Amino acid sequence: MAKNKKDVRARTWTFILYPESAPENWRDILDGYHIPWVESPLHDKDVNPDGTVKKAHRHVILLFDGKKSFEQVKDITDALNAPTPQKTANTKGLVRYLIHMDNPEKHQYKREDIICHSGADIEQYFELSMSSRTEIFGEMADFIMDSEIDNYADFLLYCRKHDEKDWFDIAVNHNTLAINKLLDAMYQKHNPKNVSKSVTLEEKVTQAKEMKNKGVKVAVIADTLGVSRKTIYKYLNK
């Protein structure tokens, strides 16, 4: 008896689309298949390992109701002059990659620039689990201490100004007391008698960007400013 073949079909498929190669009406073509689909912001600031800028492209996700084969999906990508499609079992990770949300070393694109078509709904993939909130709160605490922020309003303003939606959500709806206590502790640290004024957050951001433009490595910038590399990545992506 012949062995059962492995099921290589999937409900979620993705591919890269290069605007210069795709038909002008590529969105209309995709809409014509009546498939829920999602397009990323235009990735025009991605870089290769050697520092050269990658060709501008978009990531597209197809969200089928049932499993589809490679051949079925390739018929669609061929109509768009797009490269070979790839199946995925990690839709959440793929959706978040559209803006490099979990890759701070890469350019951070804006969440509001993700476009959903034909009824696609991706909000669930941005919801934070308890463990994720704990991890992100740790990042927030490191950032507050690294940047010497000592005012709740200043921190919320930073979150709004720089589109830190997860940070803003946690600061307003979760762990508010803990954040306030941390900010108060930073205030007490900075405001004893006869203490000189600390470097402001915006000054640190400016210094980091100036050093990066001069070719200074992230690790050196972090050591110079006395902050973590994650904080430096936050500075440089603003």
C-alpha atoms as a PDB file:
ATOM      1  CA  MET A   1       0.000   0.000   0.000  1.00  0.00           C
ATOM      2  CA  ALA A   2       1.329   3.404  -0.960  1.00  0.00           C
ATOM      3  CA  LYS A   3       2.307   5.700   1.851  1.00  0.00           C
ATOM      4  CA  ASN A   4       0.108   8.723   2.458  1.00  0.00           C
ATOM      5  CA  LYS A   5       1.595  11.853   0.941  1.00  0.00           C
ATOM      6  CA  LYS A   6       2.427  14.726   3.267  1.00  0.00           C
ATOM      7  CA  ASP A   7      -0.130  17.529   3.088  1.00  0.00           C
ATOM      8  CA  VAL A   8       1.812  20.512   1.739  1.00  0.00           C
ATOM      9  CA  ARG A   9      -1.211  22.773   1.511  1.00  0.00           C
ATOM     10  CA  ALA A  10      -1.824  25.714   3.837  1.00  0.00           C
ATOM     11  CA  ARG A  11      -4.410  28.375   4.636  1.00  0.00           C
ATOM     12  CA  THR A  12      -1.903  31.213   4.928  1.00  0.00           C
ATOM     13  CA  TRP A  13       0.500  32.063   2.122  1.00  0.00           C
ATOM     14  CA  THR A  14       2.825  35.004   1.622  1.00  0.00           C
ATOM     15  CA  PHE A  15       4.885  36.485  -1.174  1.00  0.00           C
ATOM     16  CA  ILE A  16       6.937  39.566  -1.969  1.00  0.00           C
ATOM     17  CA  LEU A  17       5.673  42.030  -4.541  1.00  0.00           C
ATOM     18  CA  TYR A  18       7.949  44.469  -6.355  1.00  0.00           C
ATOM     19  CA  PRO A  19       5.947  47.529  -7.501  1.00  0.00           C
ATOM     20  CA  GLU A  20       8.216  48.062 -10.502  1.00  0.00           C
ATOM     21  CA  SER A  21       7.414  44.569 -11.813  1.00  0.00           C
ATOM     22  CA  ALA A  22       3.749  44.259 -10.866  1.00  0.00           C
ATOM     23  CA  PRO A  23       0.836  45.387 -13.053  1.00  0.00           C
ATOM     24  CA  GLU A  24      -0.434  48.868 -12.182  1.00  0.00           C
ATOM     25  CA  ASN A  25      -3.792  47.368 -11.180  1.00  0.00           C
ATOM     26  CA  TRP A  26      -2.308  44.569  -9.078  1.00  0.00           C
ATOM     27  CA  ARG A  27      -4.590  45.389  -6.132  1.00  0.00           C
ATOM     28  CA  ASP A  28      -7.658  45.108  -8.355  1.00  0.00           C
ATOM     29  CA  ILE A  29      -6.393  41.763  -9.634  1.00  0.00           C
ATOM     30  CA  LEU A  30      -5.998  40.433  -6.092  1.00  0.00           C
ATOM     31  CA  ASP A  31      -9.377  41.798  -5.030  1.00  0.00           C
ATOM     32  CA  GLY A  32     -10.886  39.880  -7.937  1.00  0.00           C
ATOM     33  CA  TYR A  33     -10.008  36.576  -6.272  1.00  0.00           C
ATOM     34  CA  HIS A  34     -12.223  37.511  -3.284  1.00  0.00           C
ATOM     35  CA  ILE A  35      -9.579  36.358  -0.809  1.00  0.00           C
ATOM     36  CA  PRO A  36      -8.932  38.206   2.456  1.00  0.00           C
ATOM     37  CA  TRP A  37      -5.447  39.644   2.005  1.00  0.00           C
ATOM     38  CA  VAL A  38      -3.065  42.065   3.661  1.00  0.00           C
ATOM     39  CA  GLU A  39      -0.359  44.318   2.255  1.00  0.00           C
ATOM     40  CA  SER A  40       2.572  45.722   4.158  1.00  0.00           C
ATOM     41  CA  PRO A  41       3.801  49.293   4.026  1.00  0.00           C
ATOM     42  CA  LEU A  42       6.263  49.842   1.196  1.00  0.00           C
ATOM     43  CA  HIS A  43       9.570  48.442   2.457  1.00  0.00           C
ATOM     44  CA  ASP A  44      11.947  50.990   0.988  1.00  0.00           C
ATOM     45  CA  LYS A  45      14.378  51.264   3.894  1.00  0.00           C
ATOM     46  CA  ASP A  46      15.457  47.625   4.291  1.00  0.00           C
ATOM     47  CA  VAL A  47      19.193  46.985   3.957  1.00  0.00           C
ATOM     48  CA  ASN A  48      21.340  44.046   2.936  1.00  0.00           C
ATOM     49  CA  PRO A  49      24.110  42.671   5.202  1.00  0.00           C
ATOM     50  CA  ASP A  50      26.629  44.784   3.257  1.00  0.00           C
ATOM     51  CA  GLY A  51      24.670  47.964   4.008  1.00  0.00           C
ATOM     52  CA  THR A  52      23.181  48.482   0.551  1.00  0.00           C
ATOM     53  CA  VAL A  53      19.476  49.310   0.323  1.00  0.00           C
ATOM     54  CA  LYS A  54      17.202  46.496  -0.831  1.00  0.00           C
ATOM     55  CA  LYS A  55      14.875  46.961  -3.785  1.00  0.00           C
ATOM     56  CA  ALA A  56      11.599  48.508  -2.655  1.00  0.00           C
ATOM     57  CA  HIS A  57       8.956  45.842  -2.077  1.00  0.00           C
ATOM     58  CA  ARG A  58       5.791  44.924  -0.233  1.00  0.00           C
ATOM     59  CA  HIS A  59       4.947  41.778   1.705  1.00  0.00           C
ATOM     60  CA  VAL A  60       1.537  40.329   0.889  1.00  0.00           C
ATOM     61  CA  ILE A  61      -0.364  37.768   2.988  1.00  0.00           C
ATOM     62  CA  LEU A  62      -3.214  35.672   1.603  1.00  0.00           C
ATOM     63  CA  LEU A  63      -5.650  34.371   4.227  1.00  0.00           C
ATOM     64  CA  PHE A  64      -7.675  31.547   2.686  1.00  0.00           C
ATOM     65  CA  ASP A  65     -10.700  29.951   4.374  1.00  0.00           C
ATOM     66  CA  GLY A  66      -9.408  26.490   3.441  1.00  0.00           C
ATOM     67  CA  LYS A  67      -6.064  24.934   2.567  1.00  0.00           C
ATOM     68  CA  LYS A  68      -4.591  25.741  -0.831  1.00  0.00           C
ATOM     69  CA  SER A  69      -1.795  24.067  -2.736  1.00  0.00           C
ATOM     70  CA  PHE A  70       1.375  25.700  -3.990  1.00  0.00           C
ATOM     71  CA  GLU A  71       0.138  25.423  -7.565  1.00  0.00           C
ATOM     72  CA  GLN A  72      -3.125  27.194  -6.742  1.00  0.00           C
ATOM     73  CA  VAL A  73      -1.333  30.090  -5.072  1.00  0.00           C
ATOM     74  CA  LYS A  74       1.355  30.310  -7.757  1.00  0.00           C
ATOM     75  CA  ASP A  75      -1.367  30.946 -10.322  1.00  0.00           C
ATOM     76  CA  ILE A  76      -2.142  34.101  -8.343  1.00  0.00           C
ATOM     77  CA  THR A  77       1.456  35.267  -7.932  1.00  0.00           C
ATOM     78  CA  ASP A  78       2.148  34.616 -11.617  1.00  0.00           C
ATOM     79  CA  ALA A  79      -0.701  36.981 -12.474  1.00  0.00           C
ATOM     80  CA  LEU A  80       1.110  39.656 -10.449  1.00  0.00           C
ATOM     81  CA  ASN A  81       4.612  38.926 -11.777  1.00  0.00           C
ATOM     82  CA  ALA A  82       5.573  38.172  -8.167  1.00  0.00           C
ATOM     83  CA  PRO A  83       8.238  35.749  -6.884  1.00  0.00           C
ATOM     84  CA  THR A  84       7.453  32.249  -5.621  1.00  0.00           C
ATOM     85  CA  PRO A  85       4.890  32.177  -2.768  1.00  0.00           C
ATOM     86  CA  GLN A  86       5.699  30.648   0.604  1.00  0.00           C
ATOM     87  CA  LYS A  87       3.297  28.927   2.989  1.00  0.00           C
ATOM     88  CA  THR A  88       3.388  29.709   6.693  1.00  0.00           C
ATOM     89  CA  ALA A  89       2.087  28.199   9.905  1.00  0.00           C
ATOM     90  CA  ASN A  90       2.883  31.280  11.979  1.00  0.00           C
ATOM     91  CA  THR A  91       0.410  33.893  10.798  1.00  0.00           C
ATOM     92  CA  LYS A  92       0.922  36.070  13.893  1.00  0.00           C
ATOM     93  CA  GLY A  93       4.669  36.298  13.373  1.00  0.00           C
ATOM     94  CA  LEU A  94       4.175  36.998   9.692  1.00  0.00           C
ATOM     95  CA  VAL A  95       1.666  39.805  10.287  1.00  0.00           C
ATOM     96  CA  ARG A  96       3.927  41.438  12.863  1.00  0.00           C
ATOM     97  CA  TYR A  97       6.869  41.147  10.447  1.00  0.00           C
ATOM     98  CA  LEU A  98       5.030  43.425   8.027  1.00  0.00           C
ATOM     99  CA  ILE A  99       6.314  46.308  10.161  1.00  0.00           C
ATOM    100  CA  HIS A 100       9.327  44.499  11.726  1.00  0.00           C
ATOM    101  CA  MET A 101       7.529  44.741  15.051  1.00  0.00           C
ATOM    102  CA  ASP A 102       9.614  42.036  16.732  1.00  0.00           C
ATOM    103  CA  ASN A 103      12.853  42.924  14.931  1.00  0.00           C
ATOM    104  CA  PRO A 104      14.142  46.153  16.521  1.00  0.00           C
ATOM    105  CA  GLU A 105      17.409  45.900  14.577  1.00  0.00           C
ATOM    106  CA  LYS A 106      15.442  46.509  11.356  1.00  0.00           C
ATOM    107  CA  HIS A 107      13.659  49.639  10.195  1.00  0.00           C
ATOM    108  CA  GLN A 108      10.339  50.057  12.001  1.00  0.00           C
ATOM    109  CA  TYR A 109       7.426  50.706   9.659  1.00  0.00           C
ATOM    110  CA  LYS A 110       4.103  52.138  10.835  1.00  0.00           C
ATOM    111  CA  ARG A 111       1.285  49.841  11.881  1.00  0.00           C
ATOM    112  CA  GLU A 112      -1.352  52.158  10.424  1.00  0.00           C
ATOM    113  CA  ASP A 113       0.262  51.747   6.990  1.00  0.00           C
ATOM    114  CA  ILE A 114      -0.736  48.069   6.893  1.00  0.00           C
ATOM    115  CA  ILE A 115      -3.767  47.743   4.611  1.00  0.00           C
ATOM    116  CA  CYS A 116      -6.341  44.955   4.911  1.00  0.00           C
ATOM    117  CA  HIS A 117      -8.462  43.929   1.924  1.00  0.00           C
ATOM    118  CA  SER A 118     -11.575  41.830   1.327  1.00  0.00           C
ATOM    119  CA  GLY A 119     -12.502  41.532   4.989  1.00  0.00           C
ATOM    120  CA  ALA A 120      -9.089  40.572   6.366  1.00  0.00           C
ATOM    121  CA  ASP A 121      -8.837  41.201  10.127  1.00  0.00           C
ATOM    122  CA  ILE A 122      -5.428  41.157  11.794  1.00  0.00           C
ATOM    123  CA  GLU A 123      -6.052  42.996  15.084  1.00  0.00           C
ATOM    124  CA  GLN A 124      -5.859  39.754  17.063  1.00  0.00           C
ATOM    125  CA  TYR A 125      -2.220  39.357  16.049  1.00  0.00           C
ATOM    126  CA  PHE A 126      -1.257  42.592  17.794  1.00  0.00           C
ATOM    127  CA  GLU A 127      -2.876  41.752  21.122  1.00  0.00           C
ATOM    128  CA  LEU A 128      -0.368  41.192  23.898  1.00  0.00           C
ATOM    129  CA  SER A 129      -0.304  38.094  26.053  1.00  0.00           C
ATOM    130  CA  MET A 130       0.512  38.350  29.761  1.00  0.00           C
ATOM    131  CA  SER A 131       4.066  37.132  29.133  1.00  0.00           C
ATOM    132  CA  SER A 132       4.485  39.634  26.288  1.00  0.00           C
ATOM    133  CA  ARG A 133       3.250  42.478  28.487  1.00  0.00           C
ATOM    134  CA  THR A 134       5.744  41.484  31.175  1.00  0.00           C
ATOM    135  CA  GLU A 135       8.589  41.428  28.661  1.00  0.00           C
ATOM    136  CA  ILE A 136       7.573  44.747  27.127  1.00  0.00           C
ATOM    137  CA  PHE A 137       7.200  46.324  30.567  1.00  0.00           C
ATOM    138  CA  GLY A 138      10.812  45.309  31.212  1.00  0.00           C
ATOM    139  CA  GLU A 139      11.846  47.060  27.987  1.00  0.00           C
ATOM    140  CA  MET A 140       9.886  50.146  29.033  1.00  0.00           C
ATOM    141  CA  ALA A 141      11.557  50.185  32.439  1.00  0.00           C
ATOM    142  CA  ASP A 142      15.004  49.883  30.854  1.00  0.00           C
ATOM    143  CA  PHE A 143      14.159  52.702  28.450  1.00  0.00           C
ATOM    144  CA  ILE A 144      12.880  54.970  31.228  1.00  0.00           C
ATOM    145  CA  MET A 145      16.033  54.431  33.279  1.00  0.00           C
ATOM    146  CA  ASP A 146      18.387  54.643  30.291  1.00  0.00           C
ATOM    147  CA  SER A 147      16.737  57.855  29.098  1.00  0.00           C
ATOM    148  CA  GLU A 148      16.389  59.262  32.638  1.00  0.00           C
ATOM    149  CA  ILE A 149      12.714  60.072  32.164  1.00  0.00           C
ATOM    150  CA  ASP A 150      11.154  61.258  35.418  1.00  0.00           C
ATOM    151  CA  ASN A 151       7.740  62.512  34.335  1.00  0.00           C
ATOM    152  CA  TYR A 152       4.643  60.456  33.411  1.00  0.00           C
ATOM    153  CA  ALA A 153       3.402  63.069  30.944  1.00  0.00           C
ATOM    154  CA  ASP A 154       6.780  63.157  29.168  1.00  0.00           C
ATOM    155  CA  PHE A 155       6.755  59.375  28.822  1.00  0.00           C
ATOM    156  CA  LEU A 156       3.206  59.294  27.425  1.00  0.00           C
ATOM    157  CA  LEU A 157       4.109  62.111  25.029  1.00  0.00           C
ATOM    158  CA  TYR A 158       7.101  60.082  23.817  1.00  0.00           C
ATOM    159  CA  CYS A 159       4.875  57.024  23.251  1.00  0.00           C
ATOM    160  CA  ARG A 160       2.351  59.060  21.263  1.00  0.00           C
ATOM    161  CA  LYS A 161       4.926  61.036  19.297  1.00  0.00           C
ATOM    162  CA  HIS A 162       6.896  57.953  18.292  1.00  0.00           C
ATOM    163  CA  ASP A 163       3.925  55.614  17.738  1.00  0.00           C
ATOM    164  CA  GLU A 164       4.779  53.209  20.575  1.00  0.00           C
ATOM    165  CA  LYS A 165       1.268  51.741  20.714  1.00  0.00           C
ATOM    166  CA  ASP A 166       2.128  48.768  22.950  1.00  0.00           C
ATOM    167  CA  TRP A 167       3.990  50.976  25.403  1.00  0.00           C
ATOM    168  CA  PHE A 168       1.151  53.492  25.504  1.00  0.00           C
ATOM    169  CA  ASP A 169      -1.414  50.725  26.065  1.00  0.00           C
ATOM    170  CA  ILE A 170       0.574  49.248  28.952  1.00  0.00           C
ATOM    171  CA  ALA A 171       1.282  52.674  30.471  1.00  0.00           C
ATOM    172  CA  VAL A 172      -2.402  53.629  30.408  1.00  0.00           C
ATOM    173  CA  ASN A 173      -4.206  50.320  30.913  1.00  0.00           C
ATOM    174  CA  HIS A 174      -1.699  48.006  32.639  1.00  0.00           C
ATOM    175  CA  ASN A 175       1.084  48.401  35.201  1.00  0.00           C
ATOM    176  CA  THR A 176       0.251  52.091  35.607  1.00  0.00           C
ATOM    177  CA  LEU A 177       1.117  52.111  39.308  1.00  0.00           C
ATOM    178  CA  ALA A 178       4.462  50.408  38.708  1.00  0.00           C
ATOM    179  CA  ILE A 179       5.384  52.879  35.974  1.00  0.00           C
ATOM    180  CA  ASN A 180       4.408  55.834  38.134  1.00  0.00           C
ATOM    181  CA  LYS A 181       6.536  54.516  40.993  1.00  0.00           C
ATOM    182  CA  LEU A 182       9.490  54.068  38.646  1.00  0.00           C
ATOM    183  CA  LEU A 183       9.105  57.580  37.249  1.00  0.00           C
ATOM    184  CA  ASP A 184       8.796  58.964  40.781  1.00  0.00           C
ATOM    185  CA  ALA A 185      11.976  57.128  41.773  1.00  0.00           C
ATOM    186  CA  MET A 186      13.770  58.628  38.768  1.00  0.00           C
ATOM    187  CA  TYR A 187      12.491  62.080  39.764  1.00  0.00           C
ATOM    188  CA  GLN A 188      13.793  61.650  43.315  1.00  0.00           C
ATOM    189  CA  LYS A 189      17.127  60.501  41.911  1.00  0.00           C
ATOM    190  CA  HIS A 190      17.452  63.558  39.671  1.00  0.00           C
ATOM    191  CA  ASN A 191      16.217  66.174  42.083  1.00  0.00           C
ATOM    192  CA  PRO A 192      18.188  66.017  45.308  1.00  0.00           C
ATOM    193  CA  LYS A 193      19.787  69.314  46.346  1.00  0.00           C
ATOM    194  CA  ASN A 194      22.800  70.574  44.405  1.00  0.00           C
ATOM    195  CA  VAL A 195      22.499  68.110  41.529  1.00  0.00           C
ATOM    196  CA  SER A 196      23.315  69.201  37.997  1.00  0.00           C
ATOM    197  CA  LYS A 197      20.722  68.890  35.227  1.00  0.00           C
ATOM    198  CA  SER A 198      20.620  65.526  33.440  1.00  0.00           C
ATOM    199  CA  VAL A 199      20.816  65.103  29.682  1.00  0.00           C
ATOM    200  CA  THR A 200      17.290  65.110  28.231  1.00  0.00           C
ATOM    201  CA  LEU A 201      15.756  62.292  26.203  1.00  0.00           C
ATOM    202  CA  GLU A 202      15.715  64.332  23.001  1.00  0.00           C
ATOM    203  CA  GLU A 203      19.384  65.217  23.495  1.00  0.00           C
ATOM    204  CA  LYS A 204      20.253  61.527  23.813  1.00  0.00           C
ATOM    205  CA  VAL A 205      18.262  60.689  20.672  1.00  0.00           C
ATOM    206  CA  THR A 206      20.056  63.443  18.775  1.00  0.00           C
ATOM    207  CA  GLN A 207      23.470  62.296  20.012  1.00  0.00           C
ATOM    208  CA  ALA A 208      22.744  58.701  19.019  1.00  0.00           C
ATOM    209  CA  LYS A 209      21.667  59.679  15.502  1.00  0.00           C
ATOM    210  CA  GLU A 210      24.665  61.957  15.029  1.00  0.00           C
ATOM    211  CA  MET A 211      27.048  59.182  16.078  1.00  0.00           C
ATOM    212  CA  LYS A 212      25.297  56.667  13.802  1.00  0.00           C
ATOM    213  CA  ASN A 213      25.556  59.068  10.846  1.00  0.00           C
ATOM    214  CA  LYS A 214      29.286  59.234  11.502  1.00  0.00           C
ATOM    215  CA  GLY A 215      29.507  55.455  11.209  1.00  0.00           C
ATOM    216  CA  VAL A 216      29.820  54.658  14.903  1.00  0.00           C
ATOM    217  CA  LYS A 217      28.678  51.116  15.742  1.00  0.00           C
ATOM    218  CA  VAL A 218      25.559  50.603  17.835  1.00  0.00           C
ATOM    219  CA  ALA A 219      27.515  48.873  20.607  1.00  0.00           C
ATOM    220  CA  VAL A 220      29.862  51.856  20.885  1.00  0.00           C
ATOM    221  CA  ILE A 221      26.973  54.326  20.886  1.00  0.00           C
ATOM    222  CA  ALA A 222      25.291  52.348  23.675  1.00  0.00           C
ATOM    223  CA  ASP A 223      28.478  52.330  25.762  1.00  0.00           C
ATOM    224  CA  THR A 224      29.076  56.038  25.170  1.00  0.00           C
ATOM    225  CA  LEU A 225      25.575  57.076  26.189  1.00  0.00           C
ATOM    226  CA  GLY A 226      25.370  54.496  28.958  1.00  0.00           C
ATOM    227  CA  VAL A 227      22.210  52.831  27.667  1.00  0.00           C
ATOM    228  CA  SER A 228      21.239  49.407  26.311  1.00  0.00           C
ATOM    229  CA  ARG A 229      21.438  48.444  22.642  1.00  0.00           C
ATOM    230  CA  LYS A 230      17.644  47.987  22.544  1.00  0.00           C
ATOM    231  CA  THR A 231      17.254  51.592  23.663  1.00  0.00           C
ATOM    232  CA  ILE A 232      19.681  52.739  20.963  1.00  0.00           C
ATOM    233  CA  TYR A 233      17.629  50.908  18.319  1.00  0.00           C
ATOM    234  CA  LYS A 234      14.572  52.763  19.607  1.00  0.00           C
ATOM    235  CA  TYR A 235      16.418  56.072  19.317  1.00  0.00           C
ATOM    236  CA  LEU A 236      17.657  55.373  15.787  1.00  0.00           C
ATOM    237  CA  ASN A 237      14.264  54.293  14.426  1.00  0.00           C
ATOM    238  CA  LYS A 238      12.561  57.569  15.354  1.00  0.00           C
END
